[in-house]
PDB file of N, CA and C in Angstrom:
ATOM      1  N   GLN A   1     225.701  73.306  76.391  1.00  0.00           N
ATOM      2  CA  GLN A   1     227.131  73.099  76.158  1.00  0.00           C
ATOM      3  C   GLN A   1     227.838  73.028  77.503  1.00  0.00           C
ATOM      4  N   VAL A   2     228.359  71.851  77.850  1.00  0.00           N
ATOM      5  CA  VAL A   2     229.076  71.669  79.109  1.00  0.00           C
ATOM      6  C   VAL A   2     230.554  71.946  78.888  1.00  0.00           C
ATOM      7  N   GLN A   3     231.128  72.667  79.821  1.00  0.00           N
ATOM      8  CA  GLN A   3     232.578  72.880  79.794  1.00  0.00           C
ATOM      9  C   GLN A   3     233.198  72.286  81.044  1.00  0.00           C
ATOM     10  N   LEU A   4     234.233  71.510  80.866  1.00  0.00           N
ATOM     11  CA  LEU A   4     234.977  70.882  81.949  1.00  0.00           C
ATOM     12  C   LEU A   4     236.399  71.432  81.896  1.00  0.00           C
ATOM     13  N   VAL A   5     236.826  72.074  82.969  1.00  0.00           N
ATOM     14  CA  VAL A   5     238.161  72.682  82.987  1.00  0.00           C
ATOM     15  C   VAL A   5     238.939  72.117  84.166  1.00  0.00           C
ATOM     16  N   GLU A   6     239.929  71.295  83.867  1.00  0.00           N
ATOM     17  CA  GLU A   6     240.764  70.671  84.883  1.00  0.00           C
ATOM     18  C   GLU A   6     242.024  71.498  85.109  1.00  0.00           C
ATOM     19  N   SER A   7     242.514  71.467  86.339  1.00  0.00           N
ATOM     20  CA  SER A   7     243.740  72.178  86.676  1.00  0.00           C
ATOM     21  C   SER A   7     244.395  71.517  87.874  1.00  0.00           C
ATOM     22  N   GLY A   8     245.632  71.926  88.162  1.00  0.00           N
ATOM     23  CA  GLY A   8     246.320  71.456  89.348  1.00  0.00           C
ATOM     24  C   GLY A   8     247.390  70.405  89.107  1.00  0.00           C
ATOM     25  N   GLY A   9     247.532  69.955  87.876  1.00  0.00           N
ATOM     26  CA  GLY A   9     248.553  68.959  87.595  1.00  0.00           C
ATOM     27  C   GLY A   9     249.950  69.549  87.665  1.00  0.00           C
ATOM     28  N   GLY A  10     250.941  68.679  87.515  1.00  0.00           N
ATOM     29  CA  GLY A  10     252.319  69.140  87.547  1.00  0.00           C
ATOM     30  C   GLY A  10     253.279  67.989  87.669  1.00  0.00           C
ATOM     31  N   LEU A  11     254.529  68.340  87.929  1.00  0.00           N
ATOM     32  CA  LEU A  11     255.598  67.358  88.111  1.00  0.00           C
ATOM     33  C   LEU A  11     255.884  67.227  89.597  1.00  0.00           C
ATOM     34  N   VAL A  12     255.886  66.002  90.098  1.00  0.00           N
ATOM     35  CA  VAL A  12     256.107  65.762  91.518  1.00  0.00           C
ATOM     36  C   VAL A  12     256.942  64.495  91.672  1.00  0.00           C
ATOM     37  N   GLN A  13     257.717  64.437  92.738  1.00  0.00           N
ATOM     38  CA  GLN A  13     258.497  63.238  93.021  1.00  0.00           C
ATOM     39  C   GLN A  13     257.612  62.153  93.626  1.00  0.00           C
ATOM     40  N   ALA A  14     258.033  60.927  93.461  1.00  0.00           N
ATOM     41  CA  ALA A  14     257.309  59.806  94.067  1.00  0.00           C
ATOM     42  C   ALA A  14     257.165  60.048  95.570  1.00  0.00           C
ATOM     43  N   GLY A  15     255.976  59.768  96.081  1.00  0.00           N
ATOM     44  CA  GLY A  15     255.675  60.017  97.485  1.00  0.00           C
ATOM     45  C   GLY A  15     255.048  61.373  97.749  1.00  0.00           C
ATOM     46  N   GLY A  16     255.067  62.229  96.744  1.00  0.00           N
ATOM     47  CA  GLY A  16     254.504  63.566  96.904  1.00  0.00           C
ATOM     48  C   GLY A  16     253.004  63.611  96.725  1.00  0.00           C
ATOM     49  N   SER A  17     252.476  64.843  96.754  1.00  0.00           N
ATOM     50  CA  SER A  17     251.026  65.047  96.680  1.00  0.00           C
ATOM     51  C   SER A  17     250.686  66.131  95.658  1.00  0.00           C
ATOM     52  N   LEU A  18     249.495  66.015  95.117  1.00  0.00           N
ATOM     53  CA  LEU A  18     248.921  67.041  94.257  1.00  0.00           C
ATOM     54  C   LEU A  18     247.424  67.088  94.515  1.00  0.00           C
ATOM     55  N   ARG A  19     246.816  68.246  94.273  1.00  0.00           N
ATOM     56  CA  ARG A  19     245.367  68.382  94.359  1.00  0.00           C
ATOM     57  C   ARG A  19     244.847  68.906  93.038  1.00  0.00           C
ATOM     58  N   LEU A  20     244.053  68.098  92.380  1.00  0.00           N
ATOM     59  CA  LEU A  20     243.453  68.485  91.111  1.00  0.00           C
ATOM     60  C   LEU A  20     242.082  69.110  91.354  1.00  0.00           C
ATOM     61  N   SER A  21     241.733  70.053  90.484  1.00  0.00           N
ATOM     62  CA  SER A  21     240.415  70.684  90.534  1.00  0.00           C
ATOM     63  C   SER A  21     239.779  70.607  89.158  1.00  0.00           C
ATOM     64  N   CYS A  22     238.465  70.572  89.144  1.00  0.00           N
ATOM     65  CA  CYS A  22     237.725  70.579  87.878  1.00  0.00           C
ATOM     66  C   CYS A  22     236.474  71.425  88.076  1.00  0.00           C
ATOM     67  N   THR A  23     236.359  72.462  87.289  1.00  0.00           N
ATOM     68  CA  THR A  23     235.192  73.333  87.338  1.00  0.00           C
ATOM     69  C   THR A  23     234.286  73.019  86.160  1.00  0.00           C
ATOM     70  N   VAL A  24     233.006  72.911  86.451  1.00  0.00           N
ATOM     71  CA  VAL A  24     232.023  72.523  85.438  1.00  0.00           C
ATOM     72  C   VAL A  24     231.045  73.665  85.217  1.00  0.00           C
ATOM     73  N   SER A  25     230.766  73.969  83.971  1.00  0.00           N
ATOM     74  CA  SER A  25     229.775  74.991  83.651  1.00  0.00           C
ATOM     75  C   SER A  25     228.837  74.472  82.573  1.00  0.00           C
ATOM     76  N   GLY A  26     227.663  75.055  82.502  1.00  0.00           N
ATOM     77  CA  GLY A  26     226.748  74.718  81.435  1.00  0.00           C
ATOM     78  C   GLY A  26     225.660  73.733  81.794  1.00  0.00           C
ATOM     79  N   ARG A  27     225.705  73.159  82.972  1.00  0.00           N
ATOM     80  CA  ARG A  27     224.679  72.228  83.425  1.00  0.00           C
ATOM     81  C   ARG A  27     224.484  72.405  84.931  1.00  0.00           C
ATOM     82  N   THR A  28     223.462  71.789  85.451  1.00  0.00           N
ATOM     83  CA  THR A  28     223.255  71.810  86.888  1.00  0.00           C
ATOM     84  C   THR A  28     224.213  70.808  87.508  1.00  0.00           C
ATOM     85  N   PHE A  29     225.324  71.331  88.008  1.00  0.00           N
ATOM     86  CA  PHE A  29     226.420  70.483  88.493  1.00  0.00           C
ATOM     87  C   PHE A  29     225.951  69.502  89.548  1.00  0.00           C
ATOM     88  N   SER A  30     225.135  69.979  90.477  1.00  0.00           N
ATOM     89  CA  SER A  30     224.750  69.148  91.612  1.00  0.00           C
ATOM     90  C   SER A  30     223.837  67.998  91.213  1.00  0.00           C
ATOM     91  N   SER A  31     223.376  67.970  89.991  1.00  0.00           N
ATOM     92  CA  SER A  31     222.513  66.876  89.540  1.00  0.00           C
ATOM     93  C   SER A  31     223.301  65.626  89.200  1.00  0.00           C
ATOM     94  N   TYR A  32     224.605  65.772  89.031  1.00  0.00           N
ATOM     95  CA  TYR A  32     225.401  64.687  88.470  1.00  0.00           C
ATOM     96  C   TYR A  32     226.377  64.064  89.466  1.00  0.00           C
ATOM     97  N   SER A  33     226.486  62.756  89.401  1.00  0.00           N
ATOM     98  CA  SER A  33     227.630  62.064  89.966  1.00  0.00           C
ATOM     99  C   SER A  33     228.845  62.479  89.134  1.00  0.00           C
ATOM    100  N   MET A  34     229.984  62.694  89.781  1.00  0.00           N
ATOM    101  CA  MET A  34     231.185  63.147  89.075  1.00  0.00           C
ATOM    102  C   MET A  34     232.309  62.150  89.258  1.00  0.00           C
ATOM    103  N   GLY A  35     233.154  62.088  88.257  1.00  0.00           N
ATOM    104  CA  GLY A  35     234.274  61.163  88.322  1.00  0.00           C
ATOM    105  C   GLY A  35     235.559  61.756  87.789  1.00  0.00           C
ATOM    106  N   TRP A  36     236.644  61.133  88.175  1.00  0.00           N
ATOM    107  CA  TRP A  36     237.961  61.415  87.601  1.00  0.00           C
ATOM    108  C   TRP A  36     238.403  60.184  86.822  1.00  0.00           C
ATOM    109  N   PHE A  37     238.992  60.443  85.664  1.00  0.00           N
ATOM    110  CA  PHE A  37     239.534  59.410  84.808  1.00  0.00           C
ATOM    111  C   PHE A  37     240.963  59.812  84.460  1.00  0.00           C
ATOM    112  N   ARG A  38     241.752  58.870  83.966  1.00  0.00           N
ATOM    113  CA  ARG A  38     243.112  59.214  83.557  1.00  0.00           C
ATOM    114  C   ARG A  38     243.529  58.379  82.355  1.00  0.00           C
ATOM    115  N   GLN A  39     244.475  58.941  81.599  1.00  0.00           N
ATOM    116  CA  GLN A  39     244.998  58.243  80.432  1.00  0.00           C
ATOM    117  C   GLN A  39     246.511  58.362  80.428  1.00  0.00           C
ATOM    118  N   ALA A  40     247.165  57.232  80.592  1.00  0.00           N
ATOM    119  CA  ALA A  40     248.624  57.177  80.541  1.00  0.00           C
ATOM    120  C   ALA A  40     249.065  57.013  79.092  1.00  0.00           C
ATOM    121  N   PRO A  41     250.305  57.381  78.796  1.00  0.00           N
ATOM    122  CA  PRO A  41     250.798  57.262  77.414  1.00  0.00           C
ATOM    123  C   PRO A  41     250.661  55.833  76.895  1.00  0.00           C
ATOM    124  N   GLY A  42     250.070  55.695  75.712  1.00  0.00           N
ATOM    125  CA  GLY A  42     249.943  54.394  75.091  1.00  0.00           C
ATOM    126  C   GLY A  42     248.866  53.506  75.672  1.00  0.00           C
ATOM    127  N   LYS A  43     248.079  54.044  76.597  1.00  0.00           N
ATOM    128  CA  LYS A  43     247.040  53.234  77.238  1.00  0.00           C
ATOM    129  C   LYS A  43     245.669  53.875  77.047  1.00  0.00           C
ATOM    130  N   GLU A  44     244.638  53.081  77.261  1.00  0.00           N
ATOM    131  CA  GLU A  44     243.281  53.596  77.189  1.00  0.00           C
ATOM    132  C   GLU A  44     242.969  54.414  78.444  1.00  0.00           C
ATOM    133  N   ARG A  45     242.031  55.310  78.279  1.00  0.00           N
ATOM    134  CA  ARG A  45     241.584  56.084  79.436  1.00  0.00           C
ATOM    135  C   ARG A  45     240.900  55.146  80.435  1.00  0.00           C
ATOM    136  N   GLU A  46     241.159  55.366  81.725  1.00  0.00           N
ATOM    137  CA  GLU A  46     240.592  54.497  82.754  1.00  0.00           C
ATOM    138  C   GLU A  46     239.941  55.316  83.857  1.00  0.00           C
ATOM    139  N   PHE A  47     238.978  54.707  84.499  1.00  0.00           N
ATOM    140  CA  PHE A  47     238.297  55.315  85.623  1.00  0.00           C
ATOM    141  C   PHE A  47     239.199  55.323  86.846  1.00  0.00           C
ATOM    142  N   VAL A  48     239.116  56.398  87.644  1.00  0.00           N
ATOM    143  CA  VAL A  48     239.931  56.512  88.851  1.00  0.00           C
ATOM    144  C   VAL A  48     239.058  56.602  90.108  1.00  0.00           C
ATOM    145  N   ALA A  49     238.101  57.532  90.103  1.00  0.00           N
ATOM    146  CA  ALA A  49     237.307  57.756  91.319  1.00  0.00           C
ATOM    147  C   ALA A  49     235.977  58.414  90.957  1.00  0.00           C
ATOM    148  N   GLN A  50     234.996  58.221  91.823  1.00  0.00           N
ATOM    149  CA  GLN A  50     233.660  58.784  91.620  1.00  0.00           C
ATOM    150  C   GLN A  50     233.112  59.288  92.939  1.00  0.00           C
ATOM    151  N   VAL A  51     232.332  60.374  92.854  1.00  0.00           N
ATOM    152  CA  VAL A  51     231.638  60.906  94.032  1.00  0.00           C
ATOM    153  C   VAL A  51     230.183  61.143  93.652  1.00  0.00           C
ATOM    154  N   SER A  52     229.283  60.792  94.549  1.00  0.00           N
ATOM    155  CA  SER A  52     227.854  60.955  94.279  1.00  0.00           C
ATOM    156  C   SER A  52     227.471  62.427  94.231  1.00  0.00           C
ATOM    157  N   TRP A  53     226.248  62.717  93.824  1.00  0.00           N
ATOM    158  CA  TRP A  53     225.813  64.097  93.582  1.00  0.00           C
ATOM    159  C   TRP A  53     225.944  64.964  94.832  1.00  0.00           C
ATOM    160  N   ASN A  54     225.757  64.379  96.011  1.00  0.00           N
ATOM    161  CA  ASN A  54     225.829  65.161  97.252  1.00  0.00           C
ATOM    162  C   ASN A  54     227.112  64.912  98.039  1.00  0.00           C
ATOM    163  N   GLY A  55     228.038  64.164  97.459  1.00  0.00           N
ATOM    164  CA  GLY A  55     229.289  63.887  98.152  1.00  0.00           C
ATOM    165  C   GLY A  55     229.190  62.791  99.186  1.00  0.00           C
ATOM    166  N   GLY A  56     228.028  62.161  99.288  1.00  0.00           N
ATOM    167  CA  GLY A  56     227.815  61.197 100.348  1.00  0.00           C
ATOM    168  C   GLY A  56     228.510  59.866 100.154  1.00  0.00           C
ATOM    169  N   THR A  57     228.715  59.472  98.930  1.00  0.00           N
ATOM    170  CA  THR A  57     229.383  58.199  98.668  1.00  0.00           C
ATOM    171  C   THR A  57     230.487  58.392  97.636  1.00  0.00           C
ATOM    172  N   THR A  58     231.508  57.593  97.759  1.00  0.00           N
ATOM    173  CA  THR A  58     232.634  57.640  96.837  1.00  0.00           C
ATOM    174  C   THR A  58     233.018  56.220  96.444  1.00  0.00           C
ATOM    175  N   TYR A  59     233.738  56.133  95.333  1.00  0.00           N
ATOM    176  CA  TYR A  59     234.202  54.837  94.846  1.00  0.00           C
ATOM    177  C   TYR A  59     235.548  55.058  94.191  1.00  0.00           C
ATOM    178  N   TYR A  60     236.485  54.117  94.409  1.00  0.00           N
ATOM    179  CA  TYR A  60     237.839  54.243  93.876  1.00  0.00           C
ATOM    180  C   TYR A  60     238.270  52.951  93.190  1.00  0.00           C
ATOM    181  N   VAL A  61     239.085  53.128  92.175  1.00  0.00           N
ATOM    182  CA  VAL A  61     239.726  51.951  91.601  1.00  0.00           C
ATOM    183  C   VAL A  61     240.749  51.438  92.626  1.00  0.00           C
ATOM    184  N   ASP A  62     240.985  50.136  92.638  1.00  0.00           N
ATOM    185  CA  ASP A  62     241.830  49.540  93.677  1.00  0.00           C
ATOM    186  C   ASP A  62     243.217  50.177  93.746  1.00  0.00           C
ATOM    187  N   SER A  63     243.755  50.560  92.602  1.00  0.00           N
ATOM    188  CA  SER A  63     245.142  51.039  92.574  1.00  0.00           C
ATOM    189  C   SER A  63     245.336  52.387  93.275  1.00  0.00           C
ATOM    190  N   VAL A  64     244.262  53.112  93.544  1.00  0.00           N
ATOM    191  CA  VAL A  64     244.393  54.421  94.214  1.00  0.00           C
ATOM    192  C   VAL A  64     243.703  54.448  95.568  1.00  0.00           C
ATOM    193  N   GLU A  65     242.985  53.381  95.901  1.00  0.00           N
ATOM    194  CA  GLU A  65     242.278  53.307  97.181  1.00  0.00           C
ATOM    195  C   GLU A  65     243.240  53.565  98.338  1.00  0.00           C
ATOM    196  N   GLY A  66     242.866  54.476  99.231  1.00  0.00           N
ATOM    197  CA  GLY A  66     243.706  54.794 100.377  1.00  0.00           C
ATOM    198  C   GLY A  66     244.737  55.879 100.113  1.00  0.00           C
ATOM    199  N   ARG A  67     244.953  56.231  98.850  1.00  0.00           N
ATOM    200  CA  ARG A  67     245.924  57.284  98.515  1.00  0.00           C
ATOM    201  C   ARG A  67     245.236  58.517  97.940  1.00  0.00           C
ATOM    202  N   PHE A  68     244.153  58.328  97.210  1.00  0.00           N
ATOM    203  CA  PHE A  68     243.437  59.437  96.569  1.00  0.00           C
ATOM    204  C   PHE A  68     242.110  59.670  97.295  1.00  0.00           C
ATOM    205  N   THR A  69     241.681  60.928  97.310  1.00  0.00           N
ATOM    206  CA  THR A  69     240.383  61.281  97.875  1.00  0.00           C
ATOM    207  C   THR A  69     239.656  62.218  96.922  1.00  0.00           C
ATOM    208  N   ILE A  70     238.460  61.829  96.527  1.00  0.00           N
ATOM    209  CA  ILE A  70     237.627  62.664  95.668  1.00  0.00           C
ATOM    210  C   ILE A  70     236.618  63.398  96.535  1.00  0.00           C
ATOM    211  N   SER A  71     236.357  64.659  96.186  1.00  0.00           N
ATOM    212  CA  SER A  71     235.364  65.447  96.912  1.00  0.00           C
ATOM    213  C   SER A  71     234.772  66.477  95.959  1.00  0.00           C
ATOM    214  N   ARG A  72     233.738  67.151  96.418  1.00  0.00           N
ATOM    215  CA  ARG A  72     233.101  68.149  95.559  1.00  0.00           C
ATOM    216  C   ARG A  72     232.550  69.293  96.389  1.00  0.00           C
ATOM    217  N   ASP A  73     232.411  70.445  95.742  1.00  0.00           N
ATOM    218  CA  ASP A  73     231.795  71.610  96.347  1.00  0.00           C
ATOM    219  C   ASP A  73     230.727  72.086  95.369  1.00  0.00           C
ATOM    220  N   ASN A  74     229.478  71.761  95.639  1.00  0.00           N
ATOM    221  CA  ASN A  74     228.407  72.087  94.696  1.00  0.00           C
ATOM    222  C   ASN A  74     228.182  73.591  94.582  1.00  0.00           C
ATOM    223  N   ALA A  75     228.517  74.345  95.616  1.00  0.00           N
ATOM    224  CA  ALA A  75     228.366  75.801  95.554  1.00  0.00           C
ATOM    225  C   ALA A  75     229.353  76.417  94.572  1.00  0.00           C
ATOM    226  N   LYS A  76     230.456  75.725  94.338  1.00  0.00           N
ATOM    227  CA  LYS A  76     231.494  76.231  93.428  1.00  0.00           C
ATOM    228  C   LYS A  76     231.531  75.471  92.106  1.00  0.00           C
ATOM    229  N   ASN A  77     230.605  74.528  91.919  1.00  0.00           N
ATOM    230  CA  ASN A  77     230.587  73.709  90.700  1.00  0.00           C
ATOM    231  C   ASN A  77     231.948  73.067  90.437  1.00  0.00           C
ATOM    232  N   THR A  78     232.568  72.561  91.490  1.00  0.00           N
ATOM    233  CA  THR A  78     233.938  72.061  91.394  1.00  0.00           C
ATOM    234  C   THR A  78     234.062  70.701  92.055  1.00  0.00           C
ATOM    235  N   VAL A  79     234.821  69.832  91.414  1.00  0.00           N
ATOM    236  CA  VAL A  79     235.168  68.539  91.977  1.00  0.00           C
ATOM    237  C   VAL A  79     236.689  68.478  92.123  1.00  0.00           C
ATOM    238  N   TYR A  80     237.143  67.827  93.193  1.00  0.00           N
ATOM    239  CA  TYR A  80     238.563  67.779  93.518  1.00  0.00           C
ATOM    240  C   TYR A  80     239.060  66.343  93.555  1.00  0.00           C
ATOM    241  N   LEU A  81     240.377  66.198  93.369  1.00  0.00           N
ATOM    242  CA  LEU A  81     241.027  64.909  93.580  1.00  0.00           C
ATOM    243  C   LEU A  81     242.323  65.181  94.337  1.00  0.00           C
ATOM    244  N   GLN A  82     242.327  64.828  95.608  1.00  0.00           N
ATOM    245  CA  GLN A  82     243.535  64.917  96.413  1.00  0.00           C
ATOM    246  C   GLN A  82     244.321  63.639  96.218  1.00  0.00           C
ATOM    247  N   MET A  83     245.563  63.768  95.759  1.00  0.00           N
ATOM    248  CA  MET A  83     246.391  62.606  95.452  1.00  0.00           C
ATOM    249  C   MET A  83     247.616  62.625  96.348  1.00  0.00           C
ATOM    250  N   ASN A  84     247.730  61.639  97.205  1.00  0.00           N
ATOM    251  CA  ASN A  84     248.858  61.506  98.114  1.00  0.00           C
ATOM    252  C   ASN A  84     249.652  60.249  97.779  1.00  0.00           C
ATOM    253  N   SER A  85     250.869  60.184  98.302  1.00  0.00           N
ATOM    254  CA  SER A  85     251.734  59.005  98.086  1.00  0.00           C
ATOM    255  C   SER A  85     251.788  58.634  96.608  1.00  0.00           C
ATOM    256  N   LEU A  86     252.029  59.619  95.792  1.00  0.00           N
ATOM    257  CA  LEU A  86     252.012  59.391  94.347  1.00  0.00           C
ATOM    258  C   LEU A  86     253.122  58.449  93.916  1.00  0.00           C
ATOM    259  N   LYS A  87     252.817  57.666  92.896  1.00  0.00           N
ATOM    260  CA  LYS A  87     253.751  56.688  92.342  1.00  0.00           C
ATOM    261  C   LYS A  87     253.991  57.007  90.864  1.00  0.00           C
ATOM    262  N   PRO A  88     255.115  56.568  90.327  1.00  0.00           N
ATOM    263  CA  PRO A  88     255.360  56.809  88.889  1.00  0.00           C
ATOM    264  C   PRO A  88     254.235  56.272  88.001  1.00  0.00           C
ATOM    265  N   GLU A  89     253.607  55.193  88.403  1.00  0.00           N
ATOM    266  CA  GLU A  89     252.516  54.635  87.589  1.00  0.00           C
ATOM    267  C   GLU A  89     251.253  55.479  87.631  1.00  0.00           C
ATOM    268  N   ASP A  90     251.224  56.526  88.449  1.00  0.00           N
ATOM    269  CA  ASP A  90     250.100  57.473  88.436  1.00  0.00           C
ATOM    270  C   ASP A  90     250.266  58.526  87.340  1.00  0.00           C
ATOM    271  N   THR A  91     251.405  58.523  86.667  1.00  0.00           N
ATOM    272  CA  THR A  91     251.647  59.482  85.595  1.00  0.00           C
ATOM    273  C   THR A  91     250.617  59.313  84.494  1.00  0.00           C
ATOM    274  N   ALA A  92     249.922  60.395  84.162  1.00  0.00           N
ATOM    275  CA  ALA A  92     248.848  60.347  83.165  1.00  0.00           C
ATOM    276  C   ALA A  92     248.273  61.747  82.993  1.00  0.00           C
ATOM    277  N   VAL A  93     247.444  61.887  81.985  1.00  0.00           N
ATOM    278  CA  VAL A  93     246.580  63.065  81.879  1.00  0.00           C
ATOM    279  C   VAL A  93     245.284  62.734  82.620  1.00  0.00           C
ATOM    280  N   TYR A  94     244.893  63.613  83.528  1.00  0.00           N
ATOM    281  CA  TYR A  94     243.711  63.382  84.350  1.00  0.00           C
ATOM    282  C   TYR A  94     242.553  64.243  83.846  1.00  0.00           C
ATOM    283  N   TYR A  95     241.403  63.607  83.758  1.00  0.00           N
ATOM    284  CA  TYR A  95     240.194  64.259  83.262  1.00  0.00           C
ATOM    285  C   TYR A  95     239.060  64.079  84.266  1.00  0.00           C
ATOM    286  N   CYS A  96     238.186  65.065  84.339  1.00  0.00           N
ATOM    287  CA  CYS A  96     236.952  64.887  85.098  1.00  0.00           C
ATOM    288  C   CYS A  96     235.778  64.817  84.137  1.00  0.00           C
ATOM    289  N   ASN A  97     234.677  64.267  84.615  1.00  0.00           N
ATOM    290  CA  ASN A  97     233.469  64.207  83.809  1.00  0.00           C
ATOM    291  C   ASN A  97     232.324  63.769  84.721  1.00  0.00           C
ATOM    292  N   ALA A  98     231.114  64.054  84.317  1.00  0.00           N
ATOM    293  CA  ALA A  98     229.981  63.431  84.963  1.00  0.00           C
ATOM    294  C   ALA A  98     230.088  61.932  84.682  1.00  0.00           C
ATOM    295  N   ALA A  99     229.699  61.123  85.642  1.00  0.00           N
ATOM    296  CA  ALA A  99     229.938  59.691  85.523  1.00  0.00           C
ATOM    297  C   ALA A  99     228.685  58.892  85.854  1.00  0.00           C
ATOM    298  N   PHE A 100     228.542  57.773  85.171  1.00  0.00           N
ATOM    299  CA  PHE A 100     227.474  56.835  85.498  1.00  0.00           C
ATOM    300  C   PHE A 100     228.006  55.423  85.323  1.00  0.00           C
ATOM    301  N   MET A 101     227.368  54.491  86.024  1.00  0.00           N
ATOM    302  CA  MET A 101     227.789  53.109  85.899  1.00  0.00           C
ATOM    303  C   MET A 101     226.977  52.438  84.801  1.00  0.00           C
ATOM    304  N   GLY A 102     227.666  51.897  83.806  1.00  0.00           N
ATOM    305  CA  GLY A 102     226.987  51.247  82.703  1.00  0.00           C
ATOM    306  C   GLY A 102     226.478  49.866  83.074  1.00  0.00           C
ATOM    307  N   SER A 103     225.797  49.244  82.129  1.00  0.00           N
ATOM    308  CA  SER A 103     225.231  47.914  82.356  1.00  0.00           C
ATOM    309  C   SER A 103     226.314  46.863  82.555  1.00  0.00           C
ATOM    310  N   ASP A 104     227.538  47.189  82.149  1.00  0.00           N
ATOM    311  CA  ASP A 104     228.669  46.271  82.340  1.00  0.00           C
ATOM    312  C   ASP A 104     229.399  46.560  83.642  1.00  0.00           C
ATOM    313  N   TYR A 105     228.816  47.408  84.482  1.00  0.00           N
ATOM    314  CA  TYR A 105     229.376  47.752  85.792  1.00  0.00           C
ATOM    315  C   TYR A 105     230.694  48.505  85.672  1.00  0.00           C
ATOM    316  N   GLU A 106     230.894  49.155  84.548  1.00  0.00           N
ATOM    317  CA  GLU A 106     232.042  50.027  84.366  1.00  0.00           C
ATOM    318  C   GLU A 106     231.574  51.481  84.437  1.00  0.00           C
ATOM    319  N   TRP A 107     232.370  52.341  85.062  1.00  0.00           N
ATOM    320  CA  TRP A 107     232.050  53.760  85.116  1.00  0.00           C
ATOM    321  C   TRP A 107     232.323  54.401  83.765  1.00  0.00           C
ATOM    322  N   LYS A 108     231.397  55.205  83.320  1.00  0.00           N
ATOM    323  CA  LYS A 108     231.483  55.825  82.007  1.00  0.00           C
ATOM    324  C   LYS A 108     231.231  57.315  82.093  1.00  0.00           C
ATOM    325  N   ALA A 109     231.745  58.050  81.131  1.00  0.00           N
ATOM    326  CA  ALA A 109     231.610  59.505  81.107  1.00  0.00           C
ATOM    327  C   ALA A 109     230.348  59.924  80.357  1.00  0.00           C
ATOM    328  N   VAL A 110     229.781  61.034  80.813  1.00  0.00           N
ATOM    329  CA  VAL A 110     228.543  61.544  80.223  1.00  0.00           C
ATOM    330  C   VAL A 110     228.811  62.524  79.082  1.00  0.00           C
ATOM    331  N   PHE A 111     229.714  63.434  79.287  1.00  0.00           N
ATOM    332  CA  PHE A 111     229.922  64.536  78.339  1.00  0.00           C
ATOM    333  C   PHE A 111     231.222  64.366  77.554  1.00  0.00           C
ATOM    334  N   SER A 112     231.416  65.243  76.582  1.00  0.00           N
ATOM    335  CA  SER A 112     232.690  65.279  75.879  1.00  0.00           C
ATOM    336  C   SER A 112     233.793  65.679  76.848  1.00  0.00           C
ATOM    337  N   TRP A 113     235.000  65.275  76.541  1.00  0.00           N
ATOM    338  CA  TRP A 113     236.116  65.499  77.454  1.00  0.00           C
ATOM    339  C   TRP A 113     236.655  66.922  77.373  1.00  0.00           C
ATOM    340  N   GLY A 114     237.182  67.400  78.505  1.00  0.00           N
ATOM    341  CA  GLY A 114     237.924  68.641  78.536  1.00  0.00           C
ATOM    342  C   GLY A 114     239.355  68.391  78.089  1.00  0.00           C
ATOM    343  N   GLN A 115     240.220  69.367  78.388  1.00  0.00           N
ATOM    344  CA  GLN A 115     241.615  69.250  77.928  1.00  0.00           C
ATOM    345  C   GLN A 115     242.465  68.404  78.877  1.00  0.00           C
ATOM    346  N   GLY A 116     241.978  68.167  80.079  1.00  0.00           N
ATOM    347  CA  GLY A 116     242.723  67.387  81.055  1.00  0.00           C
ATOM    348  C   GLY A 116     243.865  68.173  81.665  1.00  0.00           C
ATOM    349  N   THR A 117     244.491  67.566  82.677  1.00  0.00           N
ATOM    350  CA  THR A 117     245.658  68.162  83.320  1.00  0.00           C
ATOM    351  C   THR A 117     246.714  67.076  83.499  1.00  0.00           C
ATOM    352  N   GLN A 118     247.935  67.398  83.123  1.00  0.00           N
ATOM    353  CA  GLN A 118     249.020  66.405  83.130  1.00  0.00           C
ATOM    354  C   GLN A 118     249.593  66.245  84.535  1.00  0.00           C
ATOM    355  N   VAL A 119     249.702  65.008  84.970  1.00  0.00           N
ATOM    356  CA  VAL A 119     250.375  64.667  86.213  1.00  0.00           C
ATOM    357  C   VAL A 119     251.562  63.777  85.866  1.00  0.00           C
ATOM    358  N   THR A 120     252.740  64.197  86.298  1.00  0.00           N
ATOM    359  CA  THR A 120     253.943  63.426  86.055  1.00  0.00           C
ATOM    360  C   THR A 120     254.630  63.165  87.378  1.00  0.00           C
ATOM    361  N   VAL A 121     254.854  61.884  87.678  1.00  0.00           N
ATOM    362  CA  VAL A 121     255.481  61.486  88.933  1.00  0.00           C
ATOM    363  C   VAL A 121     256.838  60.875  88.613  1.00  0.00           C
ATOM    364  N   SER A 122     257.883  61.496  89.117  1.00  0.00           N
ATOM    365  CA  SER A 122     259.229  61.004  88.857  1.00  0.00           C
ATOM    366  C   SER A 122     259.669  60.054  89.975  1.00  0.00           C
ATOM    367  N   SER A 123     260.493  59.102  89.607  1.00  0.00           N
ATOM    368  CA  SER A 123     260.953  58.110  90.600  1.00  0.00           C
ATOM    369  C   SER A 123     262.230  58.563  91.278  1.00  0.00           C
TER     370      SER A 123
END
């Protein structure tokens, strides 16, 4: 039974920063590539960023490239998302999950979703 617990969301003005955290229990955390996904109101959940099992490689969706940084601490079973220069269009519920690239070259989640953490960016 994997548990994903996200935290760190909140209300911030455009241009501000937030740091999200996600703690994973129930599996060998360091075995998995990890990702952040988000779901805005009325929209489908979308991939945001991915980090390899050892933190050596990362991948970002174009809309956050250069503003967000994903990282992980395998000793703490935790993955982070540093979000800078936030925009109103970043408003969403953010989720973490183990991630893999499907045959359609889309990043997909491995486990059931946690509760997520709400990020709201005001203009």
